[in-house]
């Protein structure tokens, strides 16, 4: 074996080891993604967030962090922090500060939905096994919740349902 063959085999072994060693991402790495948005407080998000039907709720502010569990970004854990309530009159926040909710669990991706069989869909599964939420990836910066039958949820004249990626901090 000449020196070139040894160099090629050594480089291949190092690259192979490096790739396999870095398969799992730790929270706080560049593989994390954060999405934010404000949505109407309709039945589907109420169900997922366990907001009682008798609570006064007009709007929900979302902060969703997806922690990637693999380099491919096809599964992992998530943390969802929401504030819901009635909008403050002539203000930018919630009346009496709103109500904060934190939800955690696992997420994974699937391909396809009824309207677009090639779409990437993020499935959030809350720690409570009977609570899930699907979001379709519109592009690298936008996620949009889906109805239980796979359709885009339509917003109202005040809020849409689109969640926007926040810029990564240096």
N, C-alpha and C. Protein backbone atom coordinates (compact mmCIF):
# COMPACT_ATOMS: atom_id res chain seq x y z
N UNK A 1 0.84 -1.17 0.00
CA UNK A 1 0.00 0.00 0.00
C UNK A 1 0.88 1.24 0.00
N UNK A 2 0.67 2.14 -0.95
CA UNK A 2 1.49 3.34 -0.98
C UNK A 2 0.91 4.39 -0.06
N UNK A 3 1.62 5.50 0.09
CA UNK A 3 1.23 6.54 1.04
C UNK A 3 -0.10 7.20 0.66
N UNK A 4 -0.41 7.28 -0.65
CA UNK A 4 -1.69 7.87 -1.06
C UNK A 4 -2.86 7.00 -0.62
N UNK A 5 -2.73 5.70 -0.78
CA UNK A 5 -3.81 4.80 -0.35
C UNK A 5 -4.01 4.88 1.16
N UNK A 6 -2.92 4.95 1.90
CA UNK A 6 -3.00 5.05 3.36
C UNK A 6 -3.71 6.36 3.74
N UNK A 7 -3.36 7.45 3.06
CA UNK A 7 -3.98 8.74 3.35
C UNK A 7 -5.47 8.71 3.04
N UNK A 8 -5.86 8.11 1.93
CA UNK A 8 -7.28 8.04 1.55
C UNK A 8 -8.06 7.20 2.55
N UNK A 9 -7.52 6.04 2.92
CA UNK A 9 -8.19 5.16 3.88
C UNK A 9 -8.30 5.85 5.24
N UNK A 10 -7.25 6.53 5.66
CA UNK A 10 -7.27 7.23 6.95
C UNK A 10 -8.30 8.37 6.95
N UNK A 11 -8.33 9.13 5.85
CA UNK A 11 -9.30 10.22 5.76
C UNK A 11 -10.72 9.69 5.76
N UNK A 12 -10.97 8.60 5.04
CA UNK A 12 -12.30 8.00 5.00
C UNK A 12 -12.71 7.51 6.39
N UNK A 13 -11.79 6.90 7.11
CA UNK A 13 -12.09 6.40 8.45
C UNK A 13 -12.41 7.56 9.40
N UNK A 14 -11.63 8.65 9.33
CA UNK A 14 -11.89 9.81 10.19
C UNK A 14 -13.23 10.46 9.86
N UNK A 15 -13.52 10.61 8.57
CA UNK A 15 -14.81 11.20 8.19
C UNK A 15 -15.96 10.32 8.62
N UNK A 16 -15.82 9.04 8.46
CA UNK A 16 -16.88 8.11 8.85
C UNK A 16 -17.11 8.18 10.36
N UNK A 17 -16.03 8.18 11.14
CA UNK A 17 -16.17 8.26 12.59
C UNK A 17 -16.78 9.60 13.00
N UNK A 18 -16.32 10.69 12.39
CA UNK A 18 -16.84 12.02 12.70
C UNK A 18 -18.32 12.13 12.41
N UNK A 19 -18.78 11.57 11.31
CA UNK A 19 -20.20 11.64 10.96
C UNK A 19 -21.05 10.81 11.92
N UNK A 20 -20.58 9.62 12.28
CA UNK A 20 -21.38 8.80 13.18
C UNK A 20 -21.37 9.36 14.58
N UNK A 21 -20.30 10.00 14.99
CA UNK A 21 -20.23 10.54 16.34
C UNK A 21 -21.10 11.77 16.51
N UNK A 22 -21.43 12.46 15.42
CA UNK A 22 -22.19 13.69 15.55
C UNK A 22 -23.66 13.53 15.18
N UNK A 23 -24.20 12.33 15.19
CA UNK A 23 -25.58 12.09 14.77
C UNK A 23 -26.61 12.70 15.71
N UNK A 24 -26.34 12.76 17.00
CA UNK A 24 -27.32 13.26 17.95
C UNK A 24 -26.95 14.68 18.35
N UNK A 25 -27.91 15.57 18.26
CA UNK A 25 -27.68 16.97 18.61
C UNK A 25 -28.15 17.22 20.04
N UNK A 26 -27.40 18.02 20.76
CA UNK A 26 -27.77 18.39 22.11
C UNK A 26 -28.60 19.67 22.08
N UNK A 27 -29.56 19.84 23.02
CA UNK A 27 -30.30 21.10 23.07
C UNK A 27 -29.35 22.28 23.17
N UNK A 28 -29.70 23.37 22.50
CA UNK A 28 -28.85 24.55 22.49
C UNK A 28 -27.90 24.60 21.32
N UNK A 29 -27.87 23.55 20.47
CA UNK A 29 -26.98 23.56 19.32
C UNK A 29 -27.64 24.29 18.17
N UNK A 30 -26.88 24.44 17.09
CA UNK A 30 -27.41 25.12 15.92
C UNK A 30 -28.52 24.33 15.24
N UNK A 31 -28.76 23.10 15.67
CA UNK A 31 -29.83 22.30 15.09
C UNK A 31 -31.19 22.63 15.70
N UNK A 32 -31.21 23.49 16.73
CA UNK A 32 -32.48 23.92 17.31
C UNK A 32 -33.11 24.99 16.43
N UNK A 33 -34.43 25.00 16.38
CA UNK A 33 -35.17 26.00 15.60
C UNK A 33 -36.27 26.57 16.48
N UNK A 34 -36.46 27.88 16.40
CA UNK A 34 -37.51 28.53 17.17
C UNK A 34 -38.47 29.25 16.22
N UNK A 35 -39.76 29.06 16.46
CA UNK A 35 -40.81 29.67 15.66
C UNK A 35 -41.76 30.41 16.59
N UNK A 36 -42.23 31.59 16.16
CA UNK A 36 -43.14 32.39 16.96
C UNK A 36 -44.31 32.86 16.10
N UNK A 37 -45.41 33.19 16.75
CA UNK A 37 -46.56 33.73 16.05
C UNK A 37 -47.71 33.96 17.00
N UNK A 38 -48.73 34.65 16.50
CA UNK A 38 -49.96 34.91 17.26
C UNK A 38 -51.11 34.37 16.44
N UNK A 39 -51.99 33.59 17.08
CA UNK A 39 -53.09 32.95 16.38
C UNK A 39 -54.40 33.21 17.10
N UNK A 40 -55.51 33.01 16.38
CA UNK A 40 -56.80 33.06 17.07
C UNK A 40 -56.90 31.90 18.07
N UNK A 41 -57.76 32.06 19.03
CA UNK A 41 -57.96 31.04 20.07
C UNK A 41 -59.18 30.19 19.70
N UNK A 42 -59.01 29.34 18.70
CA UNK A 42 -60.11 28.50 18.24
C UNK A 42 -60.01 27.11 18.86
N UNK A 43 -60.94 26.24 18.51
CA UNK A 43 -61.06 24.95 19.19
C UNK A 43 -59.83 24.05 19.07
N UNK A 44 -59.19 23.98 17.91
CA UNK A 44 -58.05 23.08 17.76
C UNK A 44 -56.89 23.46 18.67
N UNK A 45 -56.42 24.72 18.66
CA UNK A 45 -55.36 25.04 19.62
C UNK A 45 -55.82 24.95 21.07
N UNK A 46 -57.07 25.28 21.33
CA UNK A 46 -57.60 25.13 22.71
C UNK A 46 -57.48 23.68 23.16
N UNK A 47 -57.87 22.75 22.28
CA UNK A 47 -57.78 21.32 22.63
C UNK A 47 -56.34 20.92 22.91
N UNK A 48 -55.43 21.29 22.00
CA UNK A 48 -54.03 20.89 22.16
C UNK A 48 -53.41 21.48 23.42
N UNK A 49 -53.72 22.74 23.70
CA UNK A 49 -53.13 23.42 24.86
C UNK A 49 -53.91 23.22 26.15
N UNK A 50 -55.03 22.51 26.07
CA UNK A 50 -55.90 22.26 27.22
C UNK A 50 -56.42 23.56 27.84
N UNK A 51 -56.81 24.50 26.98
CA UNK A 51 -57.42 25.75 27.44
C UNK A 51 -58.90 25.46 27.64
N UNK A 52 -59.42 25.62 28.85
CA UNK A 52 -60.84 25.33 29.08
C UNK A 52 -61.75 26.15 28.17
N UNK A 53 -62.84 25.55 27.74
CA UNK A 53 -63.76 26.22 26.80
C UNK A 53 -64.43 27.44 27.43
N UNK A 54 -64.49 27.52 28.75
CA UNK A 54 -65.11 28.68 29.38
C UNK A 54 -64.12 29.81 29.69
N UNK A 55 -62.82 29.61 29.40
CA UNK A 55 -61.83 30.68 29.57
C UNK A 55 -62.02 31.73 28.49
N UNK A 56 -61.96 33.00 28.88
CA UNK A 56 -62.00 34.09 27.91
C UNK A 56 -60.69 34.08 27.14
N UNK A 57 -60.75 33.74 25.86
CA UNK A 57 -59.54 33.60 25.06
C UNK A 57 -59.84 34.06 23.64
N UNK A 58 -59.09 35.05 23.21
CA UNK A 58 -59.25 35.60 21.87
C UNK A 58 -58.00 35.34 21.03
N UNK A 59 -56.84 35.30 21.68
CA UNK A 59 -55.56 35.20 20.98
C UNK A 59 -54.59 34.32 21.76
N UNK A 60 -53.71 33.66 21.01
CA UNK A 60 -52.64 32.84 21.62
C UNK A 60 -51.32 33.30 21.00
N UNK A 61 -50.34 33.60 21.84
CA UNK A 61 -48.99 33.91 21.38
C UNK A 61 -48.13 32.66 21.58
N UNK A 62 -47.51 32.18 20.49
CA UNK A 62 -46.75 30.93 20.49
C UNK A 62 -45.25 31.19 20.43
N UNK A 63 -44.48 30.36 21.16
CA UNK A 63 -43.03 30.31 21.03
C UNK A 63 -42.66 28.83 21.05
N UNK A 64 -42.40 28.27 19.86
CA UNK A 64 -42.13 26.85 19.70
C UNK A 64 -40.66 26.63 19.42
N UNK A 65 -40.00 25.83 20.27
CA UNK A 65 -38.60 25.49 20.06
C UNK A 65 -38.51 24.00 19.75
N UNK A 66 -37.97 23.69 18.58
CA UNK A 66 -37.76 22.30 18.17
C UNK A 66 -36.29 21.96 18.41
N UNK A 67 -36.04 20.98 19.26
CA UNK A 67 -34.69 20.49 19.52
C UNK A 67 -34.50 19.25 18.65
N UNK A 68 -33.60 19.34 17.67
CA UNK A 68 -33.38 18.22 16.76
C UNK A 68 -32.69 17.07 17.49
N UNK A 69 -33.18 15.87 17.26
CA UNK A 69 -32.59 14.68 17.87
C UNK A 69 -31.62 13.97 16.94
N UNK A 70 -31.54 14.41 15.68
CA UNK A 70 -30.60 13.84 14.73
C UNK A 70 -30.19 14.92 13.73
N UNK A 71 -29.10 14.67 13.03
CA UNK A 71 -28.57 15.64 12.09
C UNK A 71 -29.55 15.88 10.95
N UNK A 72 -30.31 14.89 10.58
CA UNK A 72 -31.27 15.03 9.48
C UNK A 72 -32.43 15.95 9.86
N UNK A 73 -32.63 16.20 11.15
CA UNK A 73 -33.72 17.06 11.59
C UNK A 73 -35.09 16.46 11.36
N UNK A 74 -35.20 15.15 11.55
CA UNK A 74 -36.48 14.48 11.31
C UNK A 74 -37.20 14.06 12.58
N UNK A 75 -36.60 14.32 13.74
CA UNK A 75 -37.24 13.97 15.01
C UNK A 75 -36.51 14.71 16.13
N UNK A 76 -37.14 14.72 17.29
CA UNK A 76 -36.51 15.35 18.44
C UNK A 76 -37.53 15.65 19.52
N UNK A 77 -37.21 16.61 20.36
CA UNK A 77 -38.10 17.06 21.42
C UNK A 77 -38.49 18.51 21.15
N UNK A 78 -39.55 18.95 21.80
CA UNK A 78 -39.95 20.33 21.63
C UNK A 78 -40.38 20.92 22.96
N UNK A 79 -40.34 22.25 22.99
CA UNK A 79 -40.91 23.01 24.11
C UNK A 79 -41.77 24.11 23.49
N UNK A 80 -43.00 24.19 23.94
CA UNK A 80 -43.93 25.19 23.45
C UNK A 80 -44.39 26.04 24.62
N UNK A 81 -44.10 27.34 24.55
CA UNK A 81 -44.55 28.28 25.56
C UNK A 81 -45.60 29.16 24.89
N UNK A 82 -46.77 29.23 25.50
CA UNK A 82 -47.84 30.06 24.95
C UNK A 82 -48.38 30.98 26.03
N UNK A 83 -48.92 32.10 25.58
CA UNK A 83 -49.69 33.00 26.45
C UNK A 83 -51.01 33.21 25.72
N UNK A 84 -52.10 33.03 26.45
CA UNK A 84 -53.41 33.21 25.82
C UNK A 84 -54.29 34.09 26.70
N UNK A 85 -55.29 34.66 26.05
CA UNK A 85 -56.24 35.50 26.78
C UNK A 85 -56.89 36.51 25.86
N UNK A 86 -57.40 37.56 26.47
CA UNK A 86 -58.05 38.63 25.74
C UNK A 86 -57.03 39.74 25.47
N UNK A 87 -57.10 40.32 24.29
CA UNK A 87 -56.20 41.42 23.93
C UNK A 87 -56.49 42.62 24.82
N UNK A 88 -55.43 43.30 25.19
CA UNK A 88 -55.56 44.52 25.98
C UNK A 88 -56.14 45.62 25.09
N UNK A 89 -57.15 46.32 25.56
CA UNK A 89 -57.76 47.39 24.78
C UNK A 89 -56.75 48.51 24.55
N UNK A 90 -56.58 48.88 23.30
CA UNK A 90 -55.63 49.94 22.91
C UNK A 90 -54.21 49.65 23.38
N UNK A 91 -53.85 48.39 23.43
CA UNK A 91 -52.51 48.01 23.87
C UNK A 91 -51.95 46.91 22.99
N UNK A 92 -50.76 46.43 23.36
CA UNK A 92 -50.08 45.42 22.58
C UNK A 92 -50.04 44.06 23.26
N UNK A 93 -50.46 43.98 24.48
CA UNK A 93 -50.36 42.73 25.21
C UNK A 93 -51.70 42.11 25.50
N UNK A 94 -51.72 41.34 26.59
CA UNK A 94 -52.93 40.67 27.02
C UNK A 94 -53.51 41.36 28.24
N UNK A 95 -54.82 41.36 28.35
CA UNK A 95 -55.50 41.88 29.52
C UNK A 95 -55.02 41.10 30.74
N UNK A 96 -54.58 41.79 31.76
CA UNK A 96 -54.04 41.22 33.00
C UNK A 96 -52.92 40.21 32.73
N UNK A 97 -52.18 40.41 31.64
CA UNK A 97 -51.01 39.58 31.35
C UNK A 97 -51.28 38.26 30.68
N UNK A 98 -52.54 37.83 30.60
CA UNK A 98 -52.87 36.55 29.98
C UNK A 98 -52.49 35.37 30.85
N UNK A 99 -52.60 34.19 30.29
CA UNK A 99 -52.27 32.95 31.00
C UNK A 99 -51.17 32.21 30.24
N UNK A 100 -50.11 31.89 30.95
CA UNK A 100 -48.96 31.20 30.34
C UNK A 100 -49.13 29.69 30.46
N UNK A 101 -48.79 28.98 29.38
CA UNK A 101 -48.84 27.52 29.34
C UNK A 101 -47.54 27.00 28.75
N UNK A 102 -47.00 25.92 29.32
CA UNK A 102 -45.82 25.27 28.75
C UNK A 102 -46.17 23.83 28.43
N UNK A 103 -45.82 23.42 27.22
CA UNK A 103 -46.08 22.06 26.76
C UNK A 103 -44.79 21.50 26.21
N UNK A 104 -44.48 20.26 26.55
CA UNK A 104 -43.29 19.60 26.02
C UNK A 104 -43.67 18.23 25.47
N UNK A 105 -42.77 17.68 24.69
CA UNK A 105 -43.01 16.35 24.14
C UNK A 105 -42.04 16.02 23.04
N UNK A 106 -42.42 15.08 22.20
CA UNK A 106 -41.61 14.60 21.08
C UNK A 106 -42.19 15.14 19.78
N UNK A 107 -41.34 15.29 18.78
CA UNK A 107 -41.81 15.64 17.45
C UNK A 107 -41.11 14.76 16.43
N UNK A 108 -41.76 14.58 15.31
CA UNK A 108 -41.20 13.85 14.20
C UNK A 108 -41.79 14.38 12.91
N UNK A 109 -41.15 14.08 11.80
CA UNK A 109 -41.67 14.54 10.52
C UNK A 109 -42.21 13.38 9.71
N UNK A 110 -43.20 13.69 8.89
CA UNK A 110 -43.73 12.76 7.91
C UNK A 110 -43.79 13.50 6.58
N UNK A 111 -43.93 12.75 5.53
CA UNK A 111 -44.05 13.35 4.21
C UNK A 111 -45.48 13.18 3.73
N UNK A 112 -46.06 14.29 3.31
CA UNK A 112 -47.37 14.25 2.67
C UNK A 112 -48.52 14.66 3.55
N UNK A 113 -49.49 15.24 2.88
CA UNK A 113 -50.79 15.54 3.43
C UNK A 113 -51.75 15.54 2.26
N UNK A 114 -53.00 15.56 2.53
CA UNK A 114 -54.00 15.41 1.48
C UNK A 114 -53.81 16.41 0.33
N UNK A 115 -53.59 17.67 0.63
CA UNK A 115 -53.48 18.69 -0.41
C UNK A 115 -52.13 18.69 -1.12
N UNK A 116 -51.09 18.14 -0.48
CA UNK A 116 -49.75 18.12 -1.07
C UNK A 116 -49.01 16.87 -0.59
N UNK A 117 -48.94 15.83 -1.40
CA UNK A 117 -48.30 14.59 -0.95
C UNK A 117 -46.80 14.69 -0.73
N UNK A 118 -46.16 15.79 -1.15
CA UNK A 118 -44.71 15.95 -0.95
C UNK A 118 -44.39 16.88 0.22
N UNK A 119 -45.39 17.41 0.89
CA UNK A 119 -45.17 18.36 1.98
C UNK A 119 -44.51 17.68 3.18
N UNK A 120 -43.70 18.43 3.89
CA UNK A 120 -43.10 17.95 5.14
C UNK A 120 -44.01 18.42 6.27
N UNK A 121 -44.46 17.47 7.09
CA UNK A 121 -45.37 17.77 8.19
C UNK A 121 -44.68 17.42 9.51
N UNK A 122 -44.66 18.39 10.42
CA UNK A 122 -44.13 18.18 11.77
C UNK A 122 -45.29 17.74 12.65
N UNK A 123 -45.12 16.63 13.33
CA UNK A 123 -46.15 16.11 14.23
C UNK A 123 -45.64 16.30 15.66
N UNK A 124 -46.30 17.19 16.43
CA UNK A 124 -45.95 17.39 17.83
C UNK A 124 -46.80 16.45 18.66
N UNK A 125 -46.17 15.64 19.50
CA UNK A 125 -46.88 14.73 20.39
C UNK A 125 -46.57 15.16 21.81
N UNK A 126 -47.60 15.69 22.49
CA UNK A 126 -47.42 16.15 23.87
C UNK A 126 -47.14 14.97 24.78
N UNK A 127 -46.59 15.25 25.93
CA UNK A 127 -46.31 14.21 26.91
C UNK A 127 -47.59 13.43 27.21
N UNK A 128 -48.72 14.14 27.25
CA UNK A 128 -50.02 13.48 27.35
C UNK A 128 -50.29 12.80 26.00
N UNK A 129 -50.41 11.48 25.94
CA UNK A 129 -50.47 10.78 24.65
C UNK A 129 -51.70 11.08 23.80
N UNK A 130 -52.68 11.74 24.33
CA UNK A 130 -53.88 12.02 23.54
C UNK A 130 -53.90 13.43 22.99
N UNK A 131 -52.74 14.07 22.93
CA UNK A 131 -52.65 15.44 22.44
C UNK A 131 -51.57 15.52 21.37
N UNK A 132 -51.98 15.88 20.17
CA UNK A 132 -51.00 16.06 19.10
C UNK A 132 -51.42 17.24 18.24
N UNK A 133 -50.44 17.78 17.53
CA UNK A 133 -50.67 18.91 16.64
C UNK A 133 -49.77 18.73 15.44
N UNK A 134 -50.32 18.93 14.25
CA UNK A 134 -49.56 18.84 13.00
C UNK A 134 -49.34 20.22 12.43
N UNK A 135 -48.11 20.46 11.95
CA UNK A 135 -47.77 21.73 11.31
C UNK A 135 -47.07 21.41 9.99
N UNK A 136 -47.50 22.04 8.91
CA UNK A 136 -46.86 21.82 7.63
C UNK A 136 -45.74 22.85 7.45
N UNK A 137 -44.64 22.40 6.87
CA UNK A 137 -43.52 23.29 6.58
C UNK A 137 -43.81 23.98 5.25
N UNK A 138 -44.05 25.29 5.30
CA UNK A 138 -44.32 26.07 4.10
C UNK A 138 -42.99 26.33 3.37
N UNK A 139 -41.98 26.75 4.11
CA UNK A 139 -40.61 26.88 3.63
C UNK A 139 -39.70 26.83 4.86
N UNK A 140 -38.44 27.15 4.70
CA UNK A 140 -37.49 27.04 5.82
C UNK A 140 -37.84 27.92 7.01
N UNK A 141 -38.64 28.95 6.78
CA UNK A 141 -38.92 29.92 7.83
C UNK A 141 -40.36 29.93 8.31
N UNK A 142 -41.23 29.11 7.75
CA UNK A 142 -42.65 29.17 8.09
C UNK A 142 -43.23 27.79 8.36
N UNK A 143 -43.98 27.69 9.47
CA UNK A 143 -44.77 26.50 9.80
C UNK A 143 -46.22 26.94 9.94
N UNK A 144 -47.15 26.08 9.53
CA UNK A 144 -48.57 26.43 9.61
C UNK A 144 -49.35 25.23 10.15
N UNK A 145 -50.12 25.41 11.23
CA UNK A 145 -50.90 24.30 11.80
C UNK A 145 -51.95 23.77 10.81
N UNK A 146 -52.22 22.48 10.97
CA UNK A 146 -53.21 21.80 10.13
C UNK A 146 -54.41 21.37 10.97
N UNK A 147 -55.57 21.30 10.31
CA UNK A 147 -56.75 20.74 10.97
C UNK A 147 -56.53 19.25 11.17
N UNK A 148 -57.44 18.61 11.89
CA UNK A 148 -57.33 17.17 12.13
C UNK A 148 -57.39 16.37 10.83
N UNK A 149 -58.02 16.92 9.78
CA UNK A 149 -58.08 16.21 8.51
C UNK A 149 -57.02 16.70 7.51
N UNK A 150 -56.00 17.42 7.98
CA UNK A 150 -54.85 17.76 7.15
C UNK A 150 -54.97 19.02 6.32
N UNK A 151 -55.93 19.88 6.59
CA UNK A 151 -56.08 21.13 5.85
C UNK A 151 -55.44 22.27 6.63
N UNK A 152 -55.00 23.32 5.90
CA UNK A 152 -54.48 24.51 6.57
C UNK A 152 -55.58 25.16 7.39
N UNK A 153 -55.26 25.58 8.61
CA UNK A 153 -56.23 26.29 9.43
C UNK A 153 -56.28 27.74 8.94
N UNK A 154 -57.48 28.23 8.76
CA UNK A 154 -57.67 29.59 8.27
C UNK A 154 -57.79 30.54 9.46
N UNK A 155 -57.06 31.65 9.40
CA UNK A 155 -57.10 32.65 10.46
C UNK A 155 -58.31 33.55 10.34
N UNK A 156 -58.23 34.69 10.99
CA UNK A 156 -59.34 35.66 10.91
C UNK A 156 -58.78 37.03 10.55
N UNK A 157 -59.58 38.08 10.67
CA UNK A 157 -59.13 39.41 10.27
C UNK A 157 -58.07 40.00 11.20
N UNK A 158 -57.80 39.36 12.33
CA UNK A 158 -56.79 39.87 13.26
C UNK A 158 -55.51 39.05 13.28
N UNK A 159 -55.62 37.72 13.16
CA UNK A 159 -54.44 36.85 13.29
C UNK A 159 -54.48 35.74 12.26
N UNK A 160 -53.30 35.34 11.81
CA UNK A 160 -53.19 34.17 10.95
C UNK A 160 -52.76 33.01 11.84
N UNK A 161 -52.43 31.89 11.27
CA UNK A 161 -51.91 30.77 12.05
C UNK A 161 -50.45 30.48 11.75
N UNK A 162 -49.81 31.26 10.91
CA UNK A 162 -48.44 30.98 10.51
C UNK A 162 -47.46 31.31 11.63
N UNK A 163 -46.55 30.37 11.89
CA UNK A 163 -45.47 30.59 12.85
C UNK A 163 -44.20 30.88 12.06
N UNK A 164 -43.48 31.91 12.46
CA UNK A 164 -42.28 32.38 11.75
C UNK A 164 -41.02 32.00 12.52
N UNK A 165 -40.00 31.56 11.79
CA UNK A 165 -38.71 31.24 12.41
C UNK A 165 -38.08 32.53 12.93
N UNK A 166 -37.51 32.46 14.13
CA UNK A 166 -36.80 33.61 14.67
C UNK A 166 -35.35 33.52 14.20
N UNK A 167 -34.70 34.67 14.00
CA UNK A 167 -33.31 34.65 13.56
C UNK A 167 -32.43 34.02 14.64
N UNK A 168 -31.42 33.28 14.20
CA UNK A 168 -30.48 32.66 15.15
C UNK A 168 -29.58 33.74 15.73
N UNK A 169 -29.36 33.65 17.03
CA UNK A 169 -28.48 34.61 17.71
C UNK A 169 -27.05 34.13 17.58
N UNK A 170 -26.09 35.06 17.37
CA UNK A 170 -24.67 34.66 17.21
C UNK A 170 -24.10 34.10 18.48
